[in-house]
Amino acid sequence: MPADDDIQRSAAYWDAHNVTPSEDVRYWLAVLEIRRYVNRRLTGKPDVLYISEFVEGLTKPVERVLSVGCGAGELERGVAGHGIALAIDGVDVSEASLREAERLAEEQGFGEQISYHRTDAAGWLRQKGESSYDLIFFHGSLHHIEALEDVLSLSARALRGGSPGLLYVDEYVGPSRNEWSDVHLELAARLFARVPQEHRRTPAVWAPIAMEDPTEMIRSSEIDPILRQHFEVLDHQPYFGNVLLPLVSSIRGSSIENPEIAAILRDAMDLEEELAQAGTLQPLYAVFVARPKRP
């Protein structure tokens, strides 16, 4: 592990929050109706995830897969369950998350197929070298990485020559932590004005940044252009979150199913869809499927 204060503090944050979250907050994509709305946008089917369509579309099993920032291992277990990978490596800096990932992999019969490693992305990719993976996944982890140039160039090297040699990124690509402004929060704030006081987690809509994690949104607005420097993007699917992310973050998680709150969230989805169709939003979230450019 590198002796980097930010990485160590981020690891401590996720040790405490990734396995047993304690705040009365709900992640926006963990709200069922929002998840169904996003699925419809990405796949046309409310109950089908984009990643499921991606792995099911692979023509044959691949030999080696890497999941960067694996957390408690949901992605690796899902990939293993689809039967498309002979061996999967998961890397993360959070020891508690990795222990939970290992426990669940064993419990579900994937213990021999999935291996977990406590390390940072750049160090692991540098150690593995060229042509070491056939697929690499970043699922909600790339926006925690400051060394984007290193990690993406090393990812391209690790995939080059692999089959199918694809990078899969599902990421927050909105404003970096120091770039949020009232303009980004304005639409959510209008809807938040309708939220009764007892359902508010915050007094006003705040930028949805976990400030205790120093790597949160560290260089998120640069992900898209830097990724395109090293990869040819084969598919790019934005799914926004511009209204929904800050709004849901400001509402008590225990209030989400309240009928009054559910009605506000439906209006937020309608507003976000209308603005997305009009082309007036710079999306906060997107999926990329890409292959390495030639050196």
C-alpha atoms as a PDB file:
ATOM      1  CA  MET A   1       0.000   0.000   0.000  1.00  0.00           C
ATOM      2  CA  PRO A   2       1.357   3.474  -0.803  1.00  0.00           C
ATOM      3  CA  ALA A   3       1.957   5.760   2.162  1.00  0.00           C
ATOM      4  CA  ASP A   4      -0.559   8.289   0.884  1.00  0.00           C
ATOM      5  CA  ASP A   5      -2.654  10.135   3.477  1.00  0.00           C
ATOM      6  CA  ASP A   6      -5.659  10.605   1.196  1.00  0.00           C
ATOM      7  CA  ILE A   7      -5.774   6.908   0.267  1.00  0.00           C
ATOM      8  CA  GLN A   8      -5.456   5.893   3.899  1.00  0.00           C
ATOM      9  CA  ARG A   9      -8.200   8.290   4.975  1.00  0.00           C
ATOM     10  CA  SER A  10     -10.431   7.091   2.135  1.00  0.00           C
ATOM     11  CA  ALA A  11      -9.812   3.476   3.195  1.00  0.00           C
ATOM     12  CA  ALA A  12     -10.806   4.344   6.764  1.00  0.00           C
ATOM     13  CA  TYR A  13     -13.963   6.064   5.525  1.00  0.00           C
ATOM     14  CA  TRP A  14     -15.049   3.019   3.491  1.00  0.00           C
ATOM     15  CA  ASP A  15     -14.076   0.635   6.275  1.00  0.00           C
ATOM     16  CA  ALA A  16     -16.698   2.440   8.344  1.00  0.00           C
ATOM     17  CA  HIS A  17     -19.366   3.069   5.687  1.00  0.00           C
ATOM     18  CA  ASN A  18     -19.212   0.486   2.902  1.00  0.00           C
ATOM     19  CA  VAL A  19     -20.203  -2.508   5.025  1.00  0.00           C
ATOM     20  CA  THR A  20     -22.442  -0.950   7.692  1.00  0.00           C
ATOM     21  CA  PRO A  21     -23.662   2.510   6.641  1.00  0.00           C
ATOM     22  CA  SER A  22     -25.030   4.451   9.603  1.00  0.00           C
ATOM     23  CA  GLU A  23     -26.453   7.705   8.207  1.00  0.00           C
ATOM     24  CA  ASP A  24     -30.144   8.112   7.382  1.00  0.00           C
ATOM     25  CA  VAL A  25     -29.342   8.577   3.712  1.00  0.00           C
ATOM     26  CA  ARG A  26     -30.276   6.615   0.598  1.00  0.00           C
ATOM     27  CA  TYR A  27     -28.061   6.505  -2.484  1.00  0.00           C
ATOM     28  CA  TRP A  28     -30.149   7.734  -5.410  1.00  0.00           C
ATOM     29  CA  LEU A  29     -29.713   4.548  -7.477  1.00  0.00           C
ATOM     30  CA  ALA A  30     -30.801   2.422  -4.511  1.00  0.00           C
ATOM     31  CA  VAL A  31     -34.321   3.881  -4.815  1.00  0.00           C
ATOM     32  CA  LEU A  32     -36.292   1.255  -6.754  1.00  0.00           C
ATOM     33  CA  GLU A  33     -38.306   3.586  -8.986  1.00  0.00           C
ATOM     34  CA  ILE A  34     -35.218   5.636  -9.844  1.00  0.00           C
ATOM     35  CA  ARG A  35     -33.287   2.459 -10.647  1.00  0.00           C
ATOM     36  CA  ARG A  36     -36.119   1.376 -12.957  1.00  0.00           C
ATOM     37  CA  TYR A  37     -36.115   4.829 -14.589  1.00  0.00           C
ATOM     38  CA  VAL A  38     -32.356   4.602 -15.232  1.00  0.00           C
ATOM     39  CA  ASN A  39     -32.674   1.037 -16.550  1.00  0.00           C
ATOM     40  CA  ARG A  40     -35.349   2.161 -19.029  1.00  0.00           C
ATOM     41  CA  ARG A  41     -33.023   4.903 -20.244  1.00  0.00           C
ATOM     42  CA  LEU A  42     -30.061   2.525 -20.674  1.00  0.00           C
ATOM     43  CA  THR A  43     -31.703  -0.710 -21.845  1.00  0.00           C
ATOM     44  CA  GLY A  44     -35.317   0.132 -22.572  1.00  0.00           C
ATOM     45  CA  LYS A  45     -36.313  -2.391 -19.885  1.00  0.00           C
ATOM     46  CA  PRO A  46     -37.054  -1.242 -16.323  1.00  0.00           C
ATOM     47  CA  ASP A  47     -35.802  -4.450 -14.700  1.00  0.00           C
ATOM     48  CA  VAL A  48     -32.679  -5.018 -16.834  1.00  0.00           C
ATOM     49  CA  LEU A  49     -29.342  -3.469 -15.878  1.00  0.00           C
ATOM     50  CA  TYR A  50     -27.007  -2.258 -18.613  1.00  0.00           C
ATOM     51  CA  ILE A  51     -24.172  -4.303 -17.166  1.00  0.00           C
ATOM     52  CA  SER A  52     -26.293  -7.466 -17.431  1.00  0.00           C
ATOM     53  CA  GLU A  53     -26.857  -6.839 -21.127  1.00  0.00           C
ATOM     54  CA  PHE A  54     -23.146  -6.166 -21.555  1.00  0.00           C
ATOM     55  CA  VAL A  55     -21.921  -9.409 -19.980  1.00  0.00           C
ATOM     56  CA  GLU A  56     -24.656 -11.479 -21.604  1.00  0.00           C
ATOM     57  CA  GLY A  57     -23.584 -10.058 -24.963  1.00  0.00           C
ATOM     58  CA  LEU A  58     -20.064 -11.494 -24.676  1.00  0.00           C
ATOM     59  CA  THR A  59     -19.737 -14.330 -27.169  1.00  0.00           C
ATOM     60  CA  LYS A  60     -17.511 -16.538 -25.005  1.00  0.00           C
ATOM     61  CA  PRO A  61     -16.129 -16.666 -21.450  1.00  0.00           C
ATOM     62  CA  VAL A  62     -12.998 -14.604 -20.868  1.00  0.00           C
ATOM     63  CA  GLU A  63      -9.973 -15.804 -18.942  1.00  0.00           C
ATOM     64  CA  ARG A  64      -9.200 -12.915 -16.599  1.00  0.00           C
ATOM     65  CA  VAL A  65     -11.238  -9.968 -15.310  1.00  0.00           C
ATOM     66  CA  LEU A  66     -10.262  -7.070 -13.045  1.00  0.00           C
ATOM     67  CA  SER A  67     -12.681  -5.045 -10.908  1.00  0.00           C
ATOM     68  CA  VAL A  68     -11.099  -1.831  -9.587  1.00  0.00           C
ATOM     69  CA  GLY A  69     -12.538  -0.377  -6.386  1.00  0.00           C
ATOM     70  CA  CYS A  70     -14.568  -3.510  -5.794  1.00  0.00           C
ATOM     71  CA  GLY A  71     -15.956  -2.623  -2.359  1.00  0.00           C
ATOM     72  CA  ALA A  72     -17.990  -5.484  -0.920  1.00  0.00           C
ATOM     73  CA  GLY A  73     -17.862  -7.391  -4.196  1.00  0.00           C
ATOM     74  CA  GLU A  74     -21.344  -7.143  -5.707  1.00  0.00           C
ATOM     75  CA  LEU A  75     -20.033  -6.671  -9.250  1.00  0.00           C
ATOM     76  CA  GLU A  76     -17.639  -9.626  -9.109  1.00  0.00           C
ATOM     77  CA  ARG A  77     -20.322 -11.968  -7.791  1.00  0.00           C
ATOM     78  CA  GLY A  78     -22.663 -10.799 -10.540  1.00  0.00           C
ATOM     79  CA  VAL A  79     -20.058 -11.378 -13.253  1.00  0.00           C
ATOM     80  CA  ALA A  80     -19.188 -14.781 -11.800  1.00  0.00           C
ATOM     81  CA  GLY A  81     -22.872 -15.687 -11.674  1.00  0.00           C
ATOM     82  CA  HIS A  82     -23.216 -14.985 -15.395  1.00  0.00           C
ATOM     83  CA  GLY A  83     -20.468 -17.527 -16.053  1.00  0.00           C
ATOM     84  CA  ILE A  84     -18.447 -15.311 -18.370  1.00  0.00           C
ATOM     85  CA  ALA A  85     -15.130 -15.196 -16.457  1.00  0.00           C
ATOM     86  CA  LEU A  86     -12.748 -17.973 -15.472  1.00  0.00           C
ATOM     87  CA  ALA A  87     -10.898 -15.813 -12.909  1.00  0.00           C
ATOM     88  CA  ILE A  88     -11.705 -12.421 -11.381  1.00  0.00           C
ATOM     89  CA  ASP A  89      -9.444 -10.114  -9.372  1.00  0.00           C
ATOM     90  CA  GLY A  90     -11.002  -7.455  -7.153  1.00  0.00           C
ATOM     91  CA  VAL A  91      -8.853  -4.656  -5.741  1.00  0.00           C
ATOM     92  CA  ASP A  92      -9.730  -2.052  -3.124  1.00  0.00           C
ATOM     93  CA  VAL A  93      -8.079  -0.049  -0.350  1.00  0.00           C
ATOM     94  CA  SER A  94     -10.746  -0.851   2.265  1.00  0.00           C
ATOM     95  CA  GLU A  95      -9.831  -3.884   4.348  1.00  0.00           C
ATOM     96  CA  ALA A  96     -13.290  -4.211   5.902  1.00  0.00           C
ATOM     97  CA  SER A  97     -14.947  -4.134   2.474  1.00  0.00           C
ATOM     98  CA  LEU A  98     -12.612  -6.826   1.162  1.00  0.00           C
ATOM     99  CA  ARG A  99     -13.292  -9.077   4.156  1.00  0.00           C
ATOM    100  CA  GLU A 100     -17.020  -8.782   3.447  1.00  0.00           C
ATOM    101  CA  ALA A 101     -16.438  -9.409  -0.269  1.00  0.00           C
ATOM    102  CA  GLU A 102     -14.441 -12.563   0.490  1.00  0.00           C
ATOM    103  CA  ARG A 103     -17.078 -13.802   2.932  1.00  0.00           C
ATOM    104  CA  LEU A 104     -19.925 -13.324   0.455  1.00  0.00           C
ATOM    105  CA  ALA A 105     -17.949 -14.868  -2.423  1.00  0.00           C
ATOM    106  CA  GLU A 106     -17.300 -18.000  -0.331  1.00  0.00           C
ATOM    107  CA  GLU A 107     -20.912 -18.090   0.844  1.00  0.00           C
ATOM    108  CA  GLN A 108     -22.205 -17.964  -2.750  1.00  0.00           C
ATOM    109  CA  GLY A 109     -19.742 -20.542  -4.088  1.00  0.00           C
ATOM    110  CA  PHE A 110     -17.364 -18.184  -5.915  1.00  0.00           C
ATOM    111  CA  GLY A 111     -14.431 -18.389  -3.514  1.00  0.00           C
ATOM    112  CA  GLU A 112     -12.097 -20.133  -5.953  1.00  0.00           C
ATOM    113  CA  GLN A 113     -13.098 -17.982  -8.903  1.00  0.00           C
ATOM    114  CA  ILE A 114     -12.710 -14.552  -7.274  1.00  0.00           C
ATOM    115  CA  SER A 115      -9.505 -13.281  -5.613  1.00  0.00           C
ATOM    116  CA  TYR A 116      -9.339 -10.086  -3.561  1.00  0.00           C
ATOM    117  CA  HIS A 117      -6.330  -7.830  -3.006  1.00  0.00           C
ATOM    118  CA  ARG A 118      -5.852  -4.812  -0.760  1.00  0.00           C
ATOM    119  CA  THR A 119      -3.976  -2.338  -2.928  1.00  0.00           C
ATOM    120  CA  ASP A 120      -4.395   0.826  -5.002  1.00  0.00           C
ATOM    121  CA  ALA A 121      -5.276   0.677  -8.694  1.00  0.00           C
ATOM    122  CA  ALA A 122      -2.054   2.117 -10.131  1.00  0.00           C
ATOM    123  CA  GLY A 123       0.191  -0.121  -8.045  1.00  0.00           C
ATOM    124  CA  TRP A 124      -1.740  -3.255  -8.971  1.00  0.00           C
ATOM    125  CA  LEU A 125      -1.899  -2.465 -12.697  1.00  0.00           C
ATOM    126  CA  ARG A 126       1.792  -1.577 -12.794  1.00  0.00           C
ATOM    127  CA  GLN A 127       2.619  -4.888 -11.132  1.00  0.00           C
ATOM    128  CA  LYS A 128       0.437  -6.919 -13.549  1.00  0.00           C
ATOM    129  CA  GLY A 129       1.873  -5.372 -16.715  1.00  0.00           C
ATOM    130  CA  GLU A 130       0.863  -5.699 -20.355  1.00  0.00           C
ATOM    131  CA  SER A 131      -1.904  -7.973 -21.650  1.00  0.00           C
ATOM    132  CA  SER A 132      -2.807  -9.196 -18.177  1.00  0.00           C
ATOM    133  CA  TYR A 133      -6.619  -8.825 -18.439  1.00  0.00           C
ATOM    134  CA  ASP A 134      -9.395  -9.376 -20.946  1.00  0.00           C
ATOM    135  CA  LEU A 135     -11.930  -7.103 -19.213  1.00  0.00           C
ATOM    136  CA  ILE A 136     -11.501  -4.297 -16.685  1.00  0.00           C
ATOM    137  CA  PHE A 137     -14.411  -2.820 -14.742  1.00  0.00           C
ATOM    138  CA  PHE A 138     -14.585   0.528 -12.947  1.00  0.00           C
ATOM    139  CA  HIS A 139     -18.019   0.748 -11.342  1.00  0.00           C
ATOM    140  CA  GLY A 140     -18.315   3.886  -9.243  1.00  0.00           C
ATOM    141  CA  SER A 141     -14.615   3.891  -8.378  1.00  0.00           C
ATOM    142  CA  LEU A 142     -12.835   5.975 -11.026  1.00  0.00           C
ATOM    143  CA  HIS A 143     -14.119   9.245  -9.561  1.00  0.00           C
ATOM    144  CA  HIS A 144     -12.108   8.394  -6.410  1.00  0.00           C
ATOM    145  CA  ILE A 145      -8.821   8.183  -8.338  1.00  0.00           C
ATOM    146  CA  GLU A 146      -6.563  11.229  -8.547  1.00  0.00           C
ATOM    147  CA  ALA A 147      -3.920   9.630 -10.804  1.00  0.00           C
ATOM    148  CA  LEU A 148      -6.333   9.289 -13.735  1.00  0.00           C
ATOM    149  CA  GLU A 149      -3.658   9.498 -16.422  1.00  0.00           C
ATOM    150  CA  ASP A 150      -1.570   6.738 -14.832  1.00  0.00           C
ATOM    151  CA  VAL A 151      -4.482   4.438 -14.046  1.00  0.00           C
ATOM    152  CA  LEU A 152      -6.137   4.730 -17.454  1.00  0.00           C
ATOM    153  CA  SER A 153      -2.903   4.382 -19.411  1.00  0.00           C
ATOM    154  CA  LEU A 154      -1.962   1.343 -17.296  1.00  0.00           C
ATOM    155  CA  SER A 155      -5.460  -0.075 -17.865  1.00  0.00           C
ATOM    156  CA  ALA A 156      -5.022   0.319 -21.617  1.00  0.00           C
ATOM    157  CA  ARG A 157      -1.682  -1.499 -21.420  1.00  0.00           C
ATOM    158  CA  ALA A 158      -3.175  -4.269 -19.290  1.00  0.00           C
ATOM    159  CA  LEU A 159      -5.994  -4.822 -21.823  1.00  0.00           C
ATOM    160  CA  ARG A 160      -4.006  -4.489 -25.021  1.00  0.00           C
ATOM    161  CA  GLY A 161      -3.898  -7.898 -26.682  1.00  0.00           C
ATOM    162  CA  GLY A 162      -6.631  -9.332 -24.455  1.00  0.00           C
ATOM    163  CA  SER A 163      -9.853 -10.786 -25.779  1.00  0.00           C
ATOM    164  CA  PRO A 164     -12.199  -8.934 -25.999  1.00  0.00           C
ATOM    165  CA  GLY A 165      -9.874  -6.336 -24.420  1.00  0.00           C
ATOM    166  CA  LEU A 166     -12.620  -4.016 -23.203  1.00  0.00           C
ATOM    167  CA  LEU A 167     -12.872  -1.387 -20.494  1.00  0.00           C
ATOM    168  CA  TYR A 168     -16.273  -1.004 -18.803  1.00  0.00           C
ATOM    169  CA  VAL A 169     -16.780   2.228 -16.844  1.00  0.00           C
ATOM    170  CA  ASP A 170     -20.001   3.139 -15.007  1.00  0.00           C
ATOM    171  CA  GLU A 171     -19.198   6.410 -13.306  1.00  0.00           C
ATOM    172  CA  TYR A 172     -20.003   9.734 -11.782  1.00  0.00           C
ATOM    173  CA  VAL A 173     -18.480  12.193 -14.288  1.00  0.00           C
ATOM    174  CA  GLY A 174     -19.986  15.435 -12.981  1.00  0.00           C
ATOM    175  CA  PRO A 175     -18.336  18.412 -11.274  1.00  0.00           C
ATOM    176  CA  SER A 176     -15.233  17.695  -9.226  1.00  0.00           C
ATOM    177  CA  ARG A 177     -15.516  18.350  -5.489  1.00  0.00           C
ATOM    178  CA  ASN A 178     -14.276  21.956  -5.781  1.00  0.00           C
ATOM    179  CA  GLU A 179     -16.468  22.778  -8.804  1.00  0.00           C
ATOM    180  CA  TRP A 180     -19.999  22.483  -7.383  1.00  0.00           C
ATOM    181  CA  SER A 181     -22.016  25.710  -7.377  1.00  0.00           C
ATOM    182  CA  ASP A 182     -25.569  26.893  -6.733  1.00  0.00           C
ATOM    183  CA  VAL A 183     -26.231  26.545 -10.461  1.00  0.00           C
ATOM    184  CA  HIS A 184     -25.745  22.764 -10.217  1.00  0.00           C
ATOM    185  CA  LEU A 185     -28.204  22.602  -7.299  1.00  0.00           C
ATOM    186  CA  GLU A 186     -30.877  24.999  -8.551  1.00  0.00           C
ATOM    187  CA  LEU A 187     -33.267  22.453 -10.091  1.00  0.00           C
ATOM    188  CA  ALA A 188     -33.099  20.099  -7.114  1.00  0.00           C
ATOM    189  CA  ALA A 189     -33.582  23.050  -4.742  1.00  0.00           C
ATOM    190  CA  ARG A 190     -36.893  23.961  -6.402  1.00  0.00           C
ATOM    191  CA  LEU A 191     -38.277  20.491  -5.746  1.00  0.00           C
ATOM    192  CA  PHE A 192     -36.728  20.339  -2.276  1.00  0.00           C
ATOM    193  CA  ALA A 193     -38.858  23.353  -1.332  1.00  0.00           C
ATOM    194  CA  ARG A 194     -41.839  20.962  -1.415  1.00  0.00           C
ATOM    195  CA  VAL A 195     -40.252  18.488   1.037  1.00  0.00           C
ATOM    196  CA  PRO A 196     -41.802  18.783   4.533  1.00  0.00           C
ATOM    197  CA  GLN A 197     -39.367  19.649   7.303  1.00  0.00           C
ATOM    198  CA  GLU A 198     -39.608  16.253   9.011  1.00  0.00           C
ATOM    199  CA  HIS A 199     -38.385  14.513   5.834  1.00  0.00           C
ATOM    200  CA  ARG A 200     -35.346  16.740   5.275  1.00  0.00           C
ATOM    201  CA  ARG A 201     -31.901  15.356   6.026  1.00  0.00           C
ATOM    202  CA  THR A 202     -30.264  18.719   5.396  1.00  0.00           C
ATOM    203  CA  PRO A 203     -31.672  22.237   5.851  1.00  0.00           C
ATOM    204  CA  ALA A 204     -31.127  22.988   2.149  1.00  0.00           C
ATOM    205  CA  VAL A 205     -29.904  21.089  -0.897  1.00  0.00           C
ATOM    206  CA  TRP A 206     -26.170  20.674  -0.464  1.00  0.00           C
ATOM    207  CA  ALA A 207     -23.558  19.420  -2.915  1.00  0.00           C
ATOM    208  CA  PRO A 208     -23.730  15.601  -2.581  1.00  0.00           C
ATOM    209  CA  ILE A 209     -20.104  15.145  -1.561  1.00  0.00           C
ATOM    210  CA  ALA A 210     -18.924  12.825   1.215  1.00  0.00           C
ATOM    211  CA  MET A 211     -16.420  15.374   2.516  1.00  0.00           C
ATOM    212  CA  GLU A 212     -14.981  12.875   5.025  1.00  0.00           C
ATOM    213  CA  ASP A 213     -13.592  10.953   2.031  1.00  0.00           C
ATOM    214  CA  PRO A 214     -10.794  13.092   0.547  1.00  0.00           C
ATOM    215  CA  THR A 215     -10.917  11.133  -2.737  1.00  0.00           C
ATOM    216  CA  GLU A 216     -14.634  11.718  -3.386  1.00  0.00           C
ATOM    217  CA  MET A 217     -15.092  13.403  -6.810  1.00  0.00           C
ATOM    218  CA  ILE A 218     -11.374  14.208  -6.738  1.00  0.00           C
ATOM    219  CA  ARG A 219     -11.072  14.780 -10.522  1.00  0.00           C
ATOM    220  CA  SER A 220     -14.424  13.532 -11.757  1.00  0.00           C
ATOM    221  CA  SER A 221     -15.002  16.203 -14.405  1.00  0.00           C
ATOM    222  CA  GLU A 222     -11.765  15.117 -16.146  1.00  0.00           C
ATOM    223  CA  ILE A 223     -12.666  11.420 -16.455  1.00  0.00           C
ATOM    224  CA  ASP A 224     -14.328  11.628 -19.876  1.00  0.00           C
ATOM    225  CA  PRO A 225     -11.565  13.533 -21.736  1.00  0.00           C
ATOM    226  CA  ILE A 226      -8.706  11.569 -20.127  1.00  0.00           C
ATOM    227  CA  LEU A 227     -10.407   8.243 -20.831  1.00  0.00           C
ATOM    228  CA  ARG A 228     -10.748   9.240 -24.488  1.00  0.00           C
ATOM    229  CA  GLN A 229      -7.025  10.005 -24.690  1.00  0.00           C
ATOM    230  CA  HIS A 230      -6.222   6.344 -24.033  1.00  0.00           C
ATOM    231  CA  PHE A 231      -9.324   4.539 -25.304  1.00  0.00           C
ATOM    232  CA  GLU A 232     -11.608   4.416 -28.303  1.00  0.00           C
ATOM    233  CA  VAL A 233     -15.130   4.710 -26.909  1.00  0.00           C
ATOM    234  CA  LEU A 234     -17.423   2.133 -28.503  1.00  0.00           C
ATOM    235  CA  ASP A 235     -20.517   3.000 -26.479  1.00  0.00           C
ATOM    236  CA  HIS A 236     -21.320   6.018 -24.319  1.00  0.00           C
ATOM    237  CA  GLN A 237     -24.613   6.078 -22.441  1.00  0.00           C
ATOM    238  CA  PRO A 238     -25.305   9.082 -20.178  1.00  0.00           C
ATOM    239  CA  TYR A 239     -27.932   8.619 -17.478  1.00  0.00           C
ATOM    240  CA  PHE A 240     -27.735  12.050 -15.842  1.00  0.00           C
ATOM    241  CA  GLY A 241     -28.774  12.256 -12.134  1.00  0.00           C
ATOM    242  CA  ASN A 242     -28.483  16.060 -12.261  1.00  0.00           C
ATOM    243  CA  VAL A 243     -31.749  16.615 -10.392  1.00  0.00           C
ATOM    244  CA  LEU A 244     -32.110  13.295  -8.608  1.00  0.00           C
ATOM    245  CA  LEU A 245     -28.660  12.910  -7.016  1.00  0.00           C
ATOM    246  CA  PRO A 246     -28.637  16.151  -4.963  1.00  0.00           C
ATOM    247  CA  LEU A 247     -32.364  15.892  -4.209  1.00  0.00           C
ATOM    248  CA  VAL A 248     -32.275  12.330  -2.858  1.00  0.00           C
ATOM    249  CA  SER A 249     -29.078  13.088  -0.914  1.00  0.00           C
ATOM    250  CA  SER A 250     -30.916  15.875   0.926  1.00  0.00           C
ATOM    251  CA  ILE A 251     -33.928  13.734   1.953  1.00  0.00           C
ATOM    252  CA  ARG A 252     -33.945  11.314   4.883  1.00  0.00           C
ATOM    253  CA  GLY A 253     -33.428   7.787   3.619  1.00  0.00           C
ATOM    254  CA  SER A 254     -36.194   6.547   5.905  1.00  0.00           C
ATOM    255  CA  SER A 255     -38.634   8.969   4.213  1.00  0.00           C
ATOM    256  CA  ILE A 256     -38.091   7.880   0.614  1.00  0.00           C
ATOM    257  CA  GLU A 257     -41.131   5.555   0.538  1.00  0.00           C
ATOM    258  CA  ASN A 258     -43.415   8.217   2.030  1.00  0.00           C
ATOM    259  CA  PRO A 259     -46.158   8.890  -0.593  1.00  0.00           C
ATOM    260  CA  GLU A 260     -45.554  12.645  -0.563  1.00  0.00           C
ATOM    261  CA  ILE A 261     -41.809  12.164  -1.109  1.00  0.00           C
ATOM    262  CA  ALA A 262     -42.395   9.503  -3.772  1.00  0.00           C
ATOM    263  CA  ALA A 263     -44.566  11.998  -5.697  1.00  0.00           C
ATOM    264  CA  ILE A 264     -41.791  14.620  -5.543  1.00  0.00           C
ATOM    265  CA  LEU A 265     -39.262  12.091  -6.839  1.00  0.00           C
ATOM    266  CA  ARG A 266     -41.558  11.165  -9.734  1.00  0.00           C
ATOM    267  CA  ASP A 267     -41.729  14.860 -10.665  1.00  0.00           C
ATOM    268  CA  ALA A 268     -37.929  15.012 -10.433  1.00  0.00           C
ATOM    269  CA  MET A 269     -37.620  12.073 -12.831  1.00  0.00           C
ATOM    270  CA  ASP A 270     -40.021  13.711 -15.275  1.00  0.00           C
ATOM    271  CA  LEU A 271     -38.103  17.003 -15.102  1.00  0.00           C
ATOM    272  CA  GLU A 272     -34.748  15.304 -15.578  1.00  0.00           C
ATOM    273  CA  GLU A 273     -36.053  13.322 -18.549  1.00  0.00           C
ATOM    274  CA  GLU A 274     -37.499  16.449 -20.159  1.00  0.00           C
ATOM    275  CA  LEU A 275     -34.208  18.335 -19.788  1.00  0.00           C
ATOM    276  CA  ALA A 276     -32.169  15.360 -21.001  1.00  0.00           C
ATOM    277  CA  GLN A 277     -34.342  15.084 -24.101  1.00  0.00           C
ATOM    278  CA  ALA A 278     -33.895  18.801 -24.714  1.00  0.00           C
ATOM    279  CA  GLY A 279     -30.108  18.399 -24.512  1.00  0.00           C
ATOM    280  CA  THR A 280     -29.691  21.034 -21.803  1.00  0.00           C
ATOM    281  CA  LEU A 281     -27.962  18.855 -19.182  1.00  0.00           C
ATOM    282  CA  GLN A 282     -24.307  17.916 -18.880  1.00  0.00           C
ATOM    283  CA  PRO A 283     -24.765  14.434 -17.356  1.00  0.00           C
ATOM    284  CA  LEU A 284     -23.482  13.575 -13.909  1.00  0.00           C
ATOM    285  CA  TYR A 285     -23.399   9.841 -14.675  1.00  0.00           C
ATOM    286  CA  ALA A 286     -22.538   7.776 -17.726  1.00  0.00           C
ATOM    287  CA  VAL A 287     -21.521   4.314 -18.890  1.00  0.00           C
ATOM    288  CA  PHE A 288     -18.580   3.834 -21.268  1.00  0.00           C
ATOM    289  CA  VAL A 289     -17.498   0.702 -23.111  1.00  0.00           C
ATOM    290  CA  ALA A 290     -14.096   1.237 -24.718  1.00  0.00           C
ATOM    291  CA  ARG A 291     -11.052  -0.471 -26.196  1.00  0.00           C
ATOM    292  CA  PRO A 292      -7.423   0.663 -25.887  1.00  0.00           C
ATOM    293  CA  LYS A 293      -6.036   2.873 -28.604  1.00  0.00           C
ATOM    294  CA  ARG A 294      -2.943   1.635 -30.381  1.00  0.00           C
ATOM    295  CA  PRO A 295       0.234   2.896 -28.674  1.00  0.00           C
END
